[in-house]
Amino acid sequence: MPSVRSVRARGAAERAGVAVRAAAFWAAVALPFSAIALLALGWDLSLVAVVLAVNAAALYLGHGYRDRSDR
């Protein structure tokens, strides 16, 4: 039988994972707009590339956000 502490720790870790997944999902939604704005304002292309790389990481981390939230 698992201890109460390990059950609470597992629950807290699961909630933290859901929060990270949600933040990454919404960042992946918003970051392309930032990249377009940076391009429109004439910012350096290396900064736009960084934003797009962060967007790719957010897509990877947040891709399962809605799939797992219905439990």
Protein backbone atom coordinates (compact mmCIF):
# COMPACT_ATOMS: atom_id res chain seq x y z
CA MET A 1 0.00 0.00 0.00
CA PRO A 2 1.51 3.36 -1.01
CA SER A 3 2.00 5.94 1.67
CA VAL A 4 -0.07 9.10 1.81
CA ARG A 5 3.05 11.16 1.16
CA SER A 6 3.86 9.31 -2.07
CA VAL A 7 0.25 9.60 -3.27
CA ARG A 8 0.27 13.36 -2.59
CA ALA A 9 3.65 13.75 -4.28
CA ARG A 10 2.43 11.85 -7.32
CA GLY A 11 -0.70 14.01 -7.48
CA ALA A 12 1.33 17.20 -7.17
CA ALA A 13 3.70 16.06 -9.91
CA GLU A 14 0.77 15.23 -12.17
CA ARG A 15 -0.81 18.65 -11.59
CA ALA A 16 2.52 20.36 -12.29
CA GLY A 17 2.83 18.38 -15.51
CA VAL A 18 -0.64 19.47 -16.59
CA ALA A 19 0.23 23.09 -15.81
CA VAL A 20 3.46 22.93 -17.83
CA ARG A 21 1.62 21.23 -20.71
CA ALA A 22 -1.09 23.93 -20.64
CA ALA A 23 1.45 26.77 -20.58
CA ALA A 24 3.37 25.21 -23.45
CA PHE A 25 0.17 24.71 -25.46
CA TRP A 26 -0.89 28.32 -25.13
CA ALA A 27 2.64 29.56 -25.78
CA ALA A 28 2.63 27.53 -28.99
CA VAL A 29 -0.60 29.29 -29.95
CA ALA A 30 0.69 32.80 -29.21
CA LEU A 31 4.32 32.68 -30.36
CA PRO A 32 3.66 32.65 -34.13
CA PHE A 33 1.88 36.00 -33.74
CA SER A 34 4.96 37.34 -31.98
CA ALA A 35 7.16 36.13 -34.82
CA ILE A 36 4.94 37.85 -37.38
CA ALA A 37 5.02 41.08 -35.35
CA LEU A 38 8.81 40.94 -35.06
CA LEU A 39 9.11 40.45 -38.82
CA ALA A 40 6.69 43.30 -39.50
CA LEU A 41 8.61 45.64 -37.20
CA GLY A 42 11.91 44.78 -38.88
CA TRP A 43 13.64 43.07 -35.97
CA ASP A 44 16.71 40.94 -36.53
CA LEU A 45 16.01 37.57 -38.14
CA SER A 46 18.06 35.77 -35.50
CA LEU A 47 15.55 36.88 -32.85
CA VAL A 48 12.70 35.63 -35.03
CA ALA A 49 14.53 32.31 -35.38
CA VAL A 50 14.82 32.07 -31.59
CA VAL A 51 11.09 32.74 -31.23
CA LEU A 52 10.34 30.03 -33.79
CA ALA A 53 12.66 27.58 -32.01
CA VAL A 54 10.90 28.27 -28.71
CA ASN A 55 7.62 27.78 -30.55
CA ALA A 56 8.78 24.37 -31.77
CA ALA A 57 9.71 23.38 -28.22
CA ALA A 58 6.32 24.59 -26.97
CA LEU A 59 4.57 22.57 -29.67
CA TYR A 60 6.43 19.46 -28.55
CA LEU A 61 5.72 19.99 -24.85
CA GLY A 62 2.11 21.06 -25.22
CA HIS A 63 0.88 18.76 -27.97
CA GLY A 64 -1.02 16.46 -25.62
CA TYR A 65 -2.65 19.14 -23.47
CA ARG A 66 -6.31 18.48 -24.33
CA ASP A 67 -5.87 14.73 -24.72
CA ARG A 68 -4.95 14.19 -21.10
CA SER A 69 -7.10 16.81 -19.35
CA ASP A 70 -10.35 14.86 -19.65
CA ARG A 71 -9.41 12.30 -16.99
